[in-house]
Each structure stands twice: as C-alpha cells, then as structure tokens.
PDB file of N, CA and C in Angstrom:
ATOM      1  N   UNK A   1     108.687  91.839  64.627  1.00  0.00           N
ATOM      2  CA  UNK A   1     109.951  92.504  64.395  1.00  0.00           C
ATOM      3  C   UNK A   1     110.268  92.456  62.898  1.00  0.00           C
ATOM      4  N   UNK A   2     110.577  93.586  62.320  1.00  0.00           N
ATOM      5  CA  UNK A   2     110.894  93.658  60.895  1.00  0.00           C
ATOM      6  C   UNK A   2     112.330  93.190  60.643  1.00  0.00           C
ATOM      7  N   UNK A   3     112.507  92.485  59.546  1.00  0.00           N
ATOM      8  CA  UNK A   3     113.844  92.036  59.153  1.00  0.00           C
ATOM      9  C   UNK A   3     114.437  93.099  58.248  1.00  0.00           C
ATOM     10  N   UNK A   4     115.646  93.518  58.543  1.00  0.00           N
ATOM     11  CA  UNK A   4     116.322  94.531  57.735  1.00  0.00           C
ATOM     12  C   UNK A   4     117.437  93.874  56.940  1.00  0.00           C
ATOM     13  N   UNK A   5     117.518  94.259  55.684  1.00  0.00           N
ATOM     14  CA  UNK A   5     118.552  93.729  54.802  1.00  0.00           C
ATOM     15  C   UNK A   5     119.498  94.847  54.404  1.00  0.00           C
ATOM     16  N   UNK A   6     120.747  94.523  54.321  1.00  0.00           N
ATOM     17  CA  UNK A   6     121.746  95.484  53.869  1.00  0.00           C
ATOM     18  C   UNK A   6     122.429  94.902  52.645  1.00  0.00           C
ATOM     19  N   UNK A   7     122.594  95.717  51.656  1.00  0.00           N
ATOM     20  CA  UNK A   7     123.263  95.287  50.425  1.00  0.00           C
ATOM     21  C   UNK A   7     124.709  95.769  50.459  1.00  0.00           C
ATOM     22  N   UNK A   8     125.627  94.857  50.208  1.00  0.00           N
ATOM     23  CA  UNK A   8     127.050  95.166  50.186  1.00  0.00           C
ATOM     24  C   UNK A   8     127.591  94.747  48.832  1.00  0.00           C
ATOM     25  N   UNK A   9     128.420  95.581  48.228  1.00  0.00           N
ATOM     26  CA  UNK A   9     128.999  95.253  46.932  1.00  0.00           C
ATOM     27  C   UNK A   9     130.510  95.144  47.036  1.00  0.00           C
ATOM     28  N   UNK A  10     131.059  94.133  46.359  1.00  0.00           N
ATOM     29  CA  UNK A  10     132.499  93.927  46.283  1.00  0.00           C
ATOM     30  C   UNK A  10     132.882  93.796  44.820  1.00  0.00           C
ATOM     31  N   UNK A  11     134.094  94.154  44.496  1.00  0.00           N
ATOM     32  CA  UNK A  11     134.590  93.995  43.128  1.00  0.00           C
ATOM     33  C   UNK A  11     135.480  92.766  43.002  1.00  0.00           C
ATOM     34  N   UNK A  12     135.619  92.006  44.074  1.00  0.00           N
ATOM     35  CA  UNK A  12     136.546  90.889  44.116  1.00  0.00           C
ATOM     36  C   UNK A  12     135.821  89.636  44.593  1.00  0.00           C
ATOM     37  N   UNK A  13     135.853  88.571  43.816  1.00  0.00           N
ATOM     38  CA  UNK A  13     135.159  87.330  44.169  1.00  0.00           C
ATOM     39  C   UNK A  13     135.687  86.756  45.472  1.00  0.00           C
ATOM     40  N   UNK A  14     136.995  86.823  45.686  1.00  0.00           N
ATOM     41  CA  UNK A  14     137.570  86.285  46.926  1.00  0.00           C
ATOM     42  C   UNK A  14     137.036  87.029  48.137  1.00  0.00           C
ATOM     43  N   UNK A  15     136.884  88.346  48.046  1.00  0.00           N
ATOM     44  CA  UNK A  15     136.320  89.128  49.153  1.00  0.00           C
ATOM     45  C   UNK A  15     134.876  88.719  49.419  1.00  0.00           C
ATOM     46  N   UNK A  16     134.114  88.470  48.361  1.00  0.00           N
ATOM     47  CA  UNK A  16     132.729  88.026  48.506  1.00  0.00           C
ATOM     48  C   UNK A  16     132.685  86.685  49.234  1.00  0.00           C
ATOM     49  N   UNK A  17     133.547  85.763  48.831  1.00  0.00           N
ATOM     50  CA  UNK A  17     133.567  84.447  49.471  1.00  0.00           C
ATOM     51  C   UNK A  17     133.957  84.569  50.947  1.00  0.00           C
ATOM     52  N   UNK A  18     134.966  85.369  51.255  1.00  0.00           N
ATOM     53  CA  UNK A  18     135.408  85.525  52.648  1.00  0.00           C
ATOM     54  C   UNK A  18     134.307  86.145  53.506  1.00  0.00           C
ATOM     55  N   UNK A  19     133.618  87.133  52.984  1.00  0.00           N
ATOM     56  CA  UNK A  19     132.510  87.786  53.680  1.00  0.00           C
ATOM     57  C   UNK A  19     131.423  86.763  54.002  1.00  0.00           C
ATOM     58  N   UNK A  20     131.111  85.943  53.021  1.00  0.00           N
ATOM     59  CA  UNK A  20     130.070  84.933  53.195  1.00  0.00           C
ATOM     60  C   UNK A  20     130.506  83.845  54.167  1.00  0.00           C
ATOM     61  N   UNK A  21     131.762  83.387  54.042  1.00  0.00           N
ATOM     62  CA  UNK A  21     132.270  82.356  54.954  1.00  0.00           C
ATOM     63  C   UNK A  21     132.342  82.852  56.395  1.00  0.00           C
ATOM     64  N   UNK A  22     132.448  84.167  56.578  1.00  0.00           N
ATOM     65  CA  UNK A  22     132.469  84.742  57.927  1.00  0.00           C
ATOM     66  C   UNK A  22     131.061  84.834  58.525  1.00  0.00           C
ATOM     67  N   UNK A  23     130.065  84.417  57.737  1.00  0.00           N
ATOM     68  CA  UNK A  23     128.695  84.417  58.239  1.00  0.00           C
ATOM     69  C   UNK A  23     128.021  85.772  58.171  1.00  0.00           C
ATOM     70  N   UNK A  24     128.526  86.663  57.322  1.00  0.00           N
ATOM     71  CA  UNK A  24     127.991  88.020  57.254  1.00  0.00           C
ATOM     72  C   UNK A  24     126.929  88.204  56.169  1.00  0.00           C
ATOM     73  N   UNK A  25     126.620  87.151  55.436  1.00  0.00           N
ATOM     74  CA  UNK A  25     125.598  87.286  54.410  1.00  0.00           C
ATOM     75  C   UNK A  25     125.553  86.081  53.493  1.00  0.00           C
ATOM     76  N   UNK A  26     124.773  86.229  52.447  1.00  0.00           N
ATOM     77  CA  UNK A  26     124.665  85.205  51.410  1.00  0.00           C
ATOM     78  C   UNK A  26     125.058  85.845  50.091  1.00  0.00           C
ATOM     79  N   UNK A  27     125.383  85.027  49.117  1.00  0.00           N
ATOM     80  CA  UNK A  27     125.820  85.560  47.837  1.00  0.00           C
ATOM     81  C   UNK A  27     125.358  84.667  46.695  1.00  0.00           C
ATOM     82  N   UNK A  28     125.364  85.221  45.517  1.00  0.00           N
ATOM     83  CA  UNK A  28     125.113  84.479  44.293  1.00  0.00           C
ATOM     84  C   UNK A  28     126.392  84.536  43.483  1.00  0.00           C
ATOM     85  N   UNK A  29     127.034  83.393  43.315  1.00  0.00           N
ATOM     86  CA  UNK A  29     128.269  83.311  42.546  1.00  0.00           C
ATOM     87  C   UNK A  29     128.192  82.102  41.616  1.00  0.00           C
ATOM     88  N   UNK A  30     128.927  82.141  40.522  1.00  0.00           N
ATOM     89  CA  UNK A  30     128.970  80.955  39.659  1.00  0.00           C
ATOM     90  C   UNK A  30     129.539  79.764  40.426  1.00  0.00           C
ATOM     91  N   UNK A  31     129.000  78.589  40.139  1.00  0.00           N
ATOM     92  CA  UNK A  31     129.453  77.378  40.833  1.00  0.00           C
ATOM     93  C   UNK A  31     130.953  77.172  40.679  1.00  0.00           C
ATOM     94  N   UNK A  32     131.488  77.493  39.506  1.00  0.00           N
ATOM     95  CA  UNK A  32     132.924  77.302  39.286  1.00  0.00           C
ATOM     96  C   UNK A  32     133.764  78.209  40.190  1.00  0.00           C
ATOM     97  N   UNK A  33     133.212  79.337  40.626  1.00  0.00           N
ATOM     98  CA  UNK A  33     133.952  80.256  41.487  1.00  0.00           C
ATOM     99  C   UNK A  33     134.036  79.755  42.927  1.00  0.00           C
ATOM    100  N   UNK A  34     133.140  78.859  43.297  1.00  0.00           N
ATOM    101  CA  UNK A  34     133.113  78.351  44.673  1.00  0.00           C
ATOM    102  C   UNK A  34     133.296  76.830  44.750  1.00  0.00           C
ATOM    103  N   UNK A  35     133.783  76.231  43.671  1.00  0.00           N
ATOM    104  CA  UNK A  35     133.916  74.772  43.612  1.00  0.00           C
ATOM    105  C   UNK A  35     134.754  74.225  44.771  1.00  0.00           C
ATOM    106  N   UNK A  36     135.896  74.841  45.027  1.00  0.00           N
ATOM    107  CA  UNK A  36     136.765  74.355  46.113  1.00  0.00           C
ATOM    108  C   UNK A  36     136.090  74.518  47.471  1.00  0.00           C
ATOM    109  N   UNK A  37     135.440  75.635  47.696  1.00  0.00           N
ATOM    110  CA  UNK A  37     134.761  75.884  48.975  1.00  0.00           C
ATOM    111  C   UNK A  37     133.590  74.922  49.173  1.00  0.00           C
ATOM    112  N   UNK A  38     132.912  74.556  48.085  1.00  0.00           N
ATOM    113  CA  UNK A  38     131.842  73.557  48.200  1.00  0.00           C
ATOM    114  C   UNK A  38     132.428  72.190  48.520  1.00  0.00           C
ATOM    115  N   UNK A  39     133.589  71.861  47.899  1.00  0.00           N
ATOM    116  CA  UNK A  39     134.243  70.576  48.162  1.00  0.00           C
ATOM    117  C   UNK A  39     134.676  70.456  49.623  1.00  0.00           C
ATOM    118  N   UNK A  40     135.280  71.533  50.144  1.00  0.00           N
ATOM    119  CA  UNK A  40     135.764  71.444  51.531  1.00  0.00           C
ATOM    120  C   UNK A  40     134.722  71.905  52.554  1.00  0.00           C
ATOM    121  N   UNK A  41     133.525  72.184  52.073  1.00  0.00           N
ATOM    122  CA  UNK A  41     132.366  72.523  52.905  1.00  0.00           C
ATOM    123  C   UNK A  41     132.529  73.801  53.716  1.00  0.00           C
ATOM    124  N   UNK A  42     133.376  74.732  53.231  1.00  0.00           N
ATOM    125  CA  UNK A  42     133.433  76.034  53.890  1.00  0.00           C
ATOM    126  C   UNK A  42     132.295  76.933  53.399  1.00  0.00           C
ATOM    127  N   UNK A  43     131.677  76.547  52.291  1.00  0.00           N
ATOM    128  CA  UNK A  43     130.436  77.159  51.807  1.00  0.00           C
ATOM    129  C   UNK A  43     129.473  76.044  51.445  1.00  0.00           C
ATOM    130  N   UNK A  44     128.199  76.334  51.501  1.00  0.00           N
ATOM    131  CA  UNK A  44     127.179  75.371  51.085  1.00  0.00           C
ATOM    132  C   UNK A  44     126.308  76.004  50.013  1.00  0.00           C
ATOM    133  N   UNK A  45     125.785  75.175  49.160  1.00  0.00           N
ATOM    134  CA  UNK A  45     124.891  75.611  48.096  1.00  0.00           C
ATOM    135  C   UNK A  45     123.457  75.518  48.601  1.00  0.00           C
ATOM    136  N   UNK A  46     122.660  76.530  48.297  1.00  0.00           N
ATOM    137  CA  UNK A  46     121.255  76.548  48.682  1.00  0.00           C
ATOM    138  C   UNK A  46     120.426  76.698  47.410  1.00  0.00           C
ATOM    139  N   UNK A  47     119.430  75.876  47.249  1.00  0.00           N
ATOM    140  CA  UNK A  47     118.586  75.927  46.057  1.00  0.00           C
ATOM    141  C   UNK A  47     117.776  77.217  46.055  1.00  0.00           C
ATOM    142  N   UNK A  48     117.808  77.944  44.942  1.00  0.00           N
ATOM    143  CA  UNK A  48     117.051  79.193  44.792  1.00  0.00           C
ATOM    144  C   UNK A  48     115.645  78.839  44.340  1.00  0.00           C
ATOM    145  N   UNK A  49     114.635  79.270  45.094  1.00  0.00           N
ATOM    146  CA  UNK A  49     113.251  78.975  44.739  1.00  0.00           C
ATOM    147  C   UNK A  49     112.475  80.239  44.381  1.00  0.00           C
ATOM    148  N   UNK A  50     113.179  81.358  44.310  1.00  0.00           N
ATOM    149  CA  UNK A  50     112.529  82.621  43.959  1.00  0.00           C
ATOM    150  C   UNK A  50     112.421  82.797  42.461  1.00  0.00           C
ATOM    151  N   UNK A  51     112.005  83.977  42.063  1.00  0.00           N
ATOM    152  CA  UNK A  51     111.868  84.255  40.629  1.00  0.00           C
ATOM    153  C   UNK A  51     113.236  84.308  39.949  1.00  0.00           C
ATOM    154  N   UNK A  52     113.233  84.056  38.645  1.00  0.00           N
ATOM    155  CA  UNK A  52     114.473  84.176  37.878  1.00  0.00           C
ATOM    156  C   UNK A  52     114.885  85.644  37.816  1.00  0.00           C
ATOM    157  N   UNK A  53     116.155  85.871  37.674  1.00  0.00           N
ATOM    158  CA  UNK A  53     116.647  87.235  37.553  1.00  0.00           C
ATOM    159  C   UNK A  53     117.775  87.254  36.532  1.00  0.00           C
ATOM    160  N   UNK A  54     117.907  88.374  35.831  1.00  0.00           N
ATOM    161  CA  UNK A  54     118.958  88.435  34.799  1.00  0.00           C
ATOM    162  C   UNK A  54     120.342  88.577  35.420  1.00  0.00           C
ATOM    163  N   UNK A  55     121.317  88.018  34.735  1.00  0.00           N
ATOM    164  CA  UNK A  55     122.713  88.168  35.127  1.00  0.00           C
ATOM    165  C   UNK A  55     123.395  88.954  34.017  1.00  0.00           C
ATOM    166  N   UNK A  56     124.017  90.056  34.378  1.00  0.00           N
ATOM    167  CA  UNK A  56     124.655  90.929  33.398  1.00  0.00           C
ATOM    168  C   UNK A  56     126.142  90.605  33.336  1.00  0.00           C
ATOM    169  N   UNK A  57     126.640  90.423  32.134  1.00  0.00           N
ATOM    170  CA  UNK A  57     128.056  90.188  31.914  1.00  0.00           C
ATOM    171  C   UNK A  57     128.575  91.272  30.989  1.00  0.00           C
ATOM    172  N   UNK A  58     129.690  91.867  31.353  1.00  0.00           N
ATOM    173  CA  UNK A  58     130.263  92.922  30.528  1.00  0.00           C
ATOM    174  C   UNK A  58     131.678  92.564  30.127  1.00  0.00           C
ATOM    175  N   UNK A  59     132.034  92.942  28.921  1.00  0.00           N
ATOM    176  CA  UNK A  59     133.380  92.730  28.406  1.00  0.00           C
ATOM    177  C   UNK A  59     133.847  94.066  27.852  1.00  0.00           C
ATOM    178  N   UNK A  60     134.926  94.568  28.385  1.00  0.00           N
ATOM    179  CA  UNK A  60     135.431  95.882  27.968  1.00  0.00           C
ATOM    180  C   UNK A  60     136.887  95.764  27.534  1.00  0.00           C
ATOM    181  N   UNK A  61     137.258  96.589  26.572  1.00  0.00           N
ATOM    182  CA  UNK A  61     138.642  96.658  26.146  1.00  0.00           C
ATOM    183  C   UNK A  61     138.916  98.037  25.593  1.00  0.00           C
ATOM    184  N   UNK A  62     140.167  98.433  25.593  1.00  0.00           N
ATOM    185  CA  UNK A  62     140.585  99.732  25.084  1.00  0.00           C
ATOM    186  C   UNK A  62     140.698  99.638  23.567  1.00  0.00           C
ATOM    187  N   UNK A  63     139.930 100.449  22.868  1.00  0.00           N
ATOM    188  CA  UNK A  63     139.866 100.320  21.413  1.00  0.00           C
ATOM    189  C   UNK A  63     141.164 100.696  20.703  1.00  0.00           C
ATOM    190  N   UNK A  64     142.052 101.406  21.382  1.00  0.00           N
ATOM    191  CA  UNK A  64     143.300 101.826  20.744  1.00  0.00           C
ATOM    192  C   UNK A  64     144.511 101.013  21.183  1.00  0.00           C
ATOM    193  N   UNK A  65     144.308 100.018  22.011  1.00  0.00           N
ATOM    194  CA  UNK A  65     145.419  99.174  22.481  1.00  0.00           C
ATOM    195  C   UNK A  65     145.585  97.969  21.572  1.00  0.00           C
ATOM    196  N   UNK A  66     146.823  97.500  21.457  1.00  0.00           N
ATOM    197  CA  UNK A  66     147.116  96.316  20.663  1.00  0.00           C
ATOM    198  C   UNK A  66     146.492  95.100  21.324  1.00  0.00           C
ATOM    199  N   UNK A  67     145.929  94.191  20.516  1.00  0.00           N
ATOM    200  CA  UNK A  67     145.359  92.946  21.024  1.00  0.00           C
ATOM    201  C   UNK A  67     145.954  91.772  20.262  1.00  0.00           C
ATOM    202  N   UNK A  68     146.284  90.749  20.997  1.00  0.00           N
ATOM    203  CA  UNK A  68     146.797  89.531  20.360  1.00  0.00           C
ATOM    204  C   UNK A  68     145.676  88.883  19.554  1.00  0.00           C
ATOM    205  N   UNK A  69     146.046  88.002  18.643  1.00  0.00           N
ATOM    206  CA  UNK A  69     145.029  87.299  17.854  1.00  0.00           C
ATOM    207  C   UNK A  69     144.170  86.414  18.756  1.00  0.00           C
ATOM    208  N   UNK A  70     144.758  85.872  19.820  1.00  0.00           N
ATOM    209  CA  UNK A  70     143.989  85.046  20.761  1.00  0.00           C
ATOM    210  C   UNK A  70     142.923  85.889  21.467  1.00  0.00           C
ATOM    211  N   UNK A  71     143.291  87.093  21.884  1.00  0.00           N
ATOM    212  CA  UNK A  71     142.324  87.971  22.543  1.00  0.00           C
ATOM    213  C   UNK A  71     141.237  88.399  21.567  1.00  0.00           C
ATOM    214  N   UNK A  72     141.610  88.712  20.344  1.00  0.00           N
ATOM    215  CA  UNK A  72     140.620  89.079  19.328  1.00  0.00           C
ATOM    216  C   UNK A  72     139.641  87.922  19.085  1.00  0.00           C
ATOM    217  N   UNK A  73     140.162  86.706  19.021  1.00  0.00           N
ATOM    218  CA  UNK A  73     139.309  85.531  18.825  1.00  0.00           C
ATOM    219  C   UNK A  73     138.369  85.341  20.014  1.00  0.00           C
ATOM    220  N   UNK A  74     138.894  85.536  21.212  1.00  0.00           N
ATOM    221  CA  UNK A  74     138.075  85.423  22.417  1.00  0.00           C
ATOM    222  C   UNK A  74     136.925  86.423  22.376  1.00  0.00           C
ATOM    223  N   UNK A  75     137.214  87.666  22.063  1.00  0.00           N
ATOM    224  CA  UNK A  75     136.186  88.703  21.982  1.00  0.00           C
ATOM    225  C   UNK A  75     135.138  88.344  20.931  1.00  0.00           C
ATOM    226  N   UNK A  76     135.586  87.833  19.801  1.00  0.00           N
ATOM    227  CA  UNK A  76     134.657  87.425  18.744  1.00  0.00           C
ATOM    228  C   UNK A  76     133.723  86.324  19.227  1.00  0.00           C
ATOM    229  N   UNK A  77     134.278  85.312  19.856  1.00  0.00           N
ATOM    230  CA  UNK A  77     133.468  84.189  20.345  1.00  0.00           C
ATOM    231  C   UNK A  77     132.484  84.662  21.404  1.00  0.00           C
ATOM    232  N   UNK A  78     132.954  85.450  22.357  1.00  0.00           N
ATOM    233  CA  UNK A  78     132.086  85.926  23.426  1.00  0.00           C
ATOM    234  C   UNK A  78     130.941  86.768  22.874  1.00  0.00           C
ATOM    235  N   UNK A  79     131.233  87.690  21.980  1.00  0.00           N
ATOM    236  CA  UNK A  79     130.175  88.538  21.436  1.00  0.00           C
ATOM    237  C   UNK A  79     129.186  87.739  20.578  1.00  0.00           C
ATOM    238  N   UNK A  80     129.668  86.698  19.907  1.00  0.00           N
ATOM    239  CA  UNK A  80     128.751  85.846  19.138  1.00  0.00           C
ATOM    240  C   UNK A  80     127.839  85.038  20.051  1.00  0.00           C
ATOM    241  N   UNK A  81     128.383  84.534  21.134  1.00  0.00           N
ATOM    242  CA  UNK A  81     127.600  83.689  22.047  1.00  0.00           C
ATOM    243  C   UNK A  81     126.653  84.528  22.910  1.00  0.00           C
ATOM    244  N   UNK A  82     127.174  85.618  23.461  1.00  0.00           N
ATOM    245  CA  UNK A  82     126.377  86.418  24.403  1.00  0.00           C
ATOM    246  C   UNK A  82     125.639  87.579  23.747  1.00  0.00           C
ATOM    247  N   UNK A  83     126.009  87.877  22.506  1.00  0.00           N
ATOM    248  CA  UNK A  83     125.343  88.990  21.815  1.00  0.00           C
ATOM    249  C   UNK A  83     125.892  90.284  22.278  1.00  0.00           C
TER     250      UNK A  83
END
C-alpha cells in the first residue's frame, strides 16, 4: 500500500500548532515557538535524521512609511546578521 502525503500551509503559527496537536500532521517550527507545548507535553520533539534543508526568513517593510529608530536599528541588525 502506497503512503500518500498531503502538504498543508498556514500563515499562523498557532494554527499550525493546533493542527499538529489534533493529530493531523507533523510540523517544523522553531523550538521557541513550541516551548510551552513541549513543557506541558501537548507536543513532542522528534529528532530529524534526514538531510539538511534551508530555512528562508523574510523581512519586509514599506519604504515610504515612517519607522522609529528602534525599528531602523532592528532592520540594520537583522540584515547584517542574516545578509
């Protein structure tokens, strides 16, 4: 019997966690995003033994909107660290 996989995409981390906690799939999330669920054991961590894969991070902002100095500093730090 062939195993069929379905890919589901969410734009909300909480929705991803709820979907996974309902037993509908597995997910890859940052540990900090699931720290509480790991503590209360509503989710479990599984060691990944497959090949490495890239993680894409995007930072977007409106070039014509006002930005606080704190936000400007954040953008500077992020772009320096992540390129």
